[in-house]
Amino acid sequence: MPKSITHTYSRYSRDALALLGVLVQKSVRKERKLITQEVADRAGIS
């Protein structure tokens, strides 16, 4: 089995990726016109 590859990312890269994820989530939610509670219900979060 091939050895797994470990990547090292800077703190800035990780922060940028996290921010991008949040922006994508908000965009999808707006596009689908979902309210926060509906998103939480789908994710199984209270």
N, C-alpha and C. Protein backbone atom coordinates (compact mmCIF):
# COMPACT_ATOMS: atom_id res chain seq x y z
N MET A 1 0.85 -1.17 0.00
CA MET A 1 0.00 0.00 0.00
C MET A 1 0.91 1.24 0.00
N PRO A 2 0.57 2.25 -0.83
CA PRO A 2 1.43 3.44 -0.87
C PRO A 2 1.34 4.24 0.42
N LYS A 3 2.44 4.85 0.74
CA LYS A 3 2.52 5.67 1.95
C LYS A 3 1.69 6.94 1.74
N SER A 4 0.92 7.33 2.76
CA SER A 4 0.11 8.55 2.65
C SER A 4 1.02 9.77 2.62
N ILE A 5 0.60 10.74 1.86
CA ILE A 5 1.38 11.95 1.69
C ILE A 5 0.89 13.00 2.69
N THR A 6 1.81 13.59 3.41
CA THR A 6 1.46 14.63 4.37
C THR A 6 1.86 15.98 3.78
N HIS A 7 0.90 16.88 3.73
CA HIS A 7 1.16 18.22 3.22
C HIS A 7 1.26 19.19 4.39
N THR A 8 2.13 20.14 4.25
CA THR A 8 2.26 21.19 5.24
C THR A 8 1.75 22.48 4.63
N TYR A 9 0.76 23.07 5.27
CA TYR A 9 0.18 24.32 4.80
C TYR A 9 0.41 25.41 5.83
N SER A 10 0.63 26.61 5.36
CA SER A 10 0.84 27.72 6.27
C SER A 10 -0.47 28.06 6.98
N ARG A 11 -0.33 28.79 8.07
CA ARG A 11 -1.51 29.22 8.82
C ARG A 11 -2.41 30.08 7.94
N TYR A 12 -1.80 30.92 7.12
CA TYR A 12 -2.57 31.81 6.24
C TYR A 12 -3.35 31.01 5.20
N SER A 13 -2.74 29.95 4.69
CA SER A 13 -3.43 29.11 3.70
C SER A 13 -4.62 28.40 4.34
N ARG A 14 -4.43 27.88 5.54
CA ARG A 14 -5.54 27.20 6.23
C ARG A 14 -6.66 28.18 6.55
N ASP A 15 -6.30 29.39 7.00
CA ASP A 15 -7.32 30.40 7.30
C ASP A 15 -8.08 30.80 6.04
N ALA A 16 -7.36 30.96 4.95
CA ALA A 16 -7.99 31.34 3.68
C ALA A 16 -8.94 30.24 3.21
N LEU A 17 -8.54 29.01 3.36
CA LEU A 17 -9.39 27.89 2.96
C LEU A 17 -10.64 27.81 3.83
N ALA A 18 -10.49 28.05 5.11
CA ALA A 18 -11.64 28.04 6.02
C ALA A 18 -12.61 29.16 5.64
N LEU A 19 -12.09 30.34 5.35
CA LEU A 19 -12.93 31.46 4.94
C LEU A 19 -13.64 31.16 3.63
N LEU A 20 -12.93 30.56 2.68
CA LEU A 20 -13.55 30.18 1.41
C LEU A 20 -14.70 29.20 1.64
N GLY A 21 -14.50 28.24 2.54
CA GLY A 21 -15.56 27.29 2.85
C GLY A 21 -16.80 27.95 3.40
N VAL A 22 -16.59 28.93 4.28
CA VAL A 22 -17.72 29.67 4.86
C VAL A 22 -18.46 30.44 3.77
N LEU A 23 -17.71 31.08 2.89
CA LEU A 23 -18.34 31.86 1.82
C LEU A 23 -19.13 30.95 0.87
N VAL A 24 -18.60 29.79 0.58
CA VAL A 24 -19.31 28.85 -0.30
C VAL A 24 -20.59 28.38 0.38
N GLN A 25 -20.53 28.07 1.67
CA GLN A 25 -21.72 27.65 2.39
C GLN A 25 -22.80 28.72 2.35
N LYS A 26 -22.40 29.96 2.60
CA LYS A 26 -23.37 31.06 2.59
C LYS A 26 -23.97 31.24 1.20
N SER A 27 -23.14 31.10 0.19
CA SER A 27 -23.60 31.27 -1.18
C SER A 27 -24.63 30.19 -1.54
N VAL A 28 -24.33 28.96 -1.19
CA VAL A 28 -25.25 27.85 -1.48
C VAL A 28 -26.54 28.03 -0.71
N ARG A 29 -26.43 28.45 0.54
CA ARG A 29 -27.63 28.64 1.36
C ARG A 29 -28.50 29.73 0.76
N LYS A 30 -27.91 30.82 0.32
CA LYS A 30 -28.69 31.90 -0.29
C LYS A 30 -29.33 31.44 -1.59
N GLU A 31 -28.57 30.69 -2.37
CA GLU A 31 -29.07 30.21 -3.65
C GLU A 31 -30.28 29.30 -3.45
N ARG A 32 -30.21 28.46 -2.44
CA ARG A 32 -31.32 27.53 -2.17
C ARG A 32 -32.37 28.13 -1.25
N LYS A 33 -32.12 29.33 -0.75
CA LYS A 33 -33.02 30.04 0.15
C LYS A 33 -33.33 29.24 1.41
N LEU A 34 -32.28 28.66 1.98
CA LEU A 34 -32.42 27.90 3.20
C LEU A 34 -32.17 28.81 4.40
N ILE A 35 -32.91 28.58 5.44
CA ILE A 35 -32.65 29.31 6.67
C ILE A 35 -31.63 28.52 7.49
N THR A 36 -31.03 29.19 8.45
CA THR A 36 -29.98 28.56 9.26
C THR A 36 -30.47 27.29 9.92
N GLN A 37 -31.68 27.28 10.42
CA GLN A 37 -32.20 26.10 11.11
C GLN A 37 -32.33 24.91 10.15
N GLU A 38 -32.73 25.15 8.91
CA GLU A 38 -32.84 24.07 7.93
C GLU A 38 -31.46 23.47 7.64
N VAL A 39 -30.46 24.33 7.53
CA VAL A 39 -29.09 23.85 7.29
C VAL A 39 -28.63 23.02 8.47
N ALA A 40 -28.90 23.48 9.69
CA ALA A 40 -28.52 22.75 10.88
C ALA A 40 -29.23 21.40 10.96
N ASP A 41 -30.51 21.39 10.61
CA ASP A 41 -31.27 20.13 10.62
C ASP A 41 -30.68 19.12 9.65
N ARG A 42 -30.32 19.57 8.47
CA ARG A 42 -29.73 18.68 7.47
C ARG A 42 -28.40 18.13 7.92
N ALA A 43 -27.64 18.96 8.65
CA ALA A 43 -26.33 18.54 9.13
C ALA A 43 -26.42 17.75 10.42
N GLY A 44 -27.60 17.70 11.02
CA GLY A 44 -27.77 16.98 12.28
C GLY A 44 -27.23 17.75 13.47
N ILE A 45 -27.26 19.08 13.36
CA ILE A 45 -26.76 19.94 14.43
C ILE A 45 -27.95 20.68 15.03
N SER A 46 -27.94 20.82 16.34
CA SER A 46 -29.06 21.54 16.98
C SER A 46 -28.83 23.03 16.98
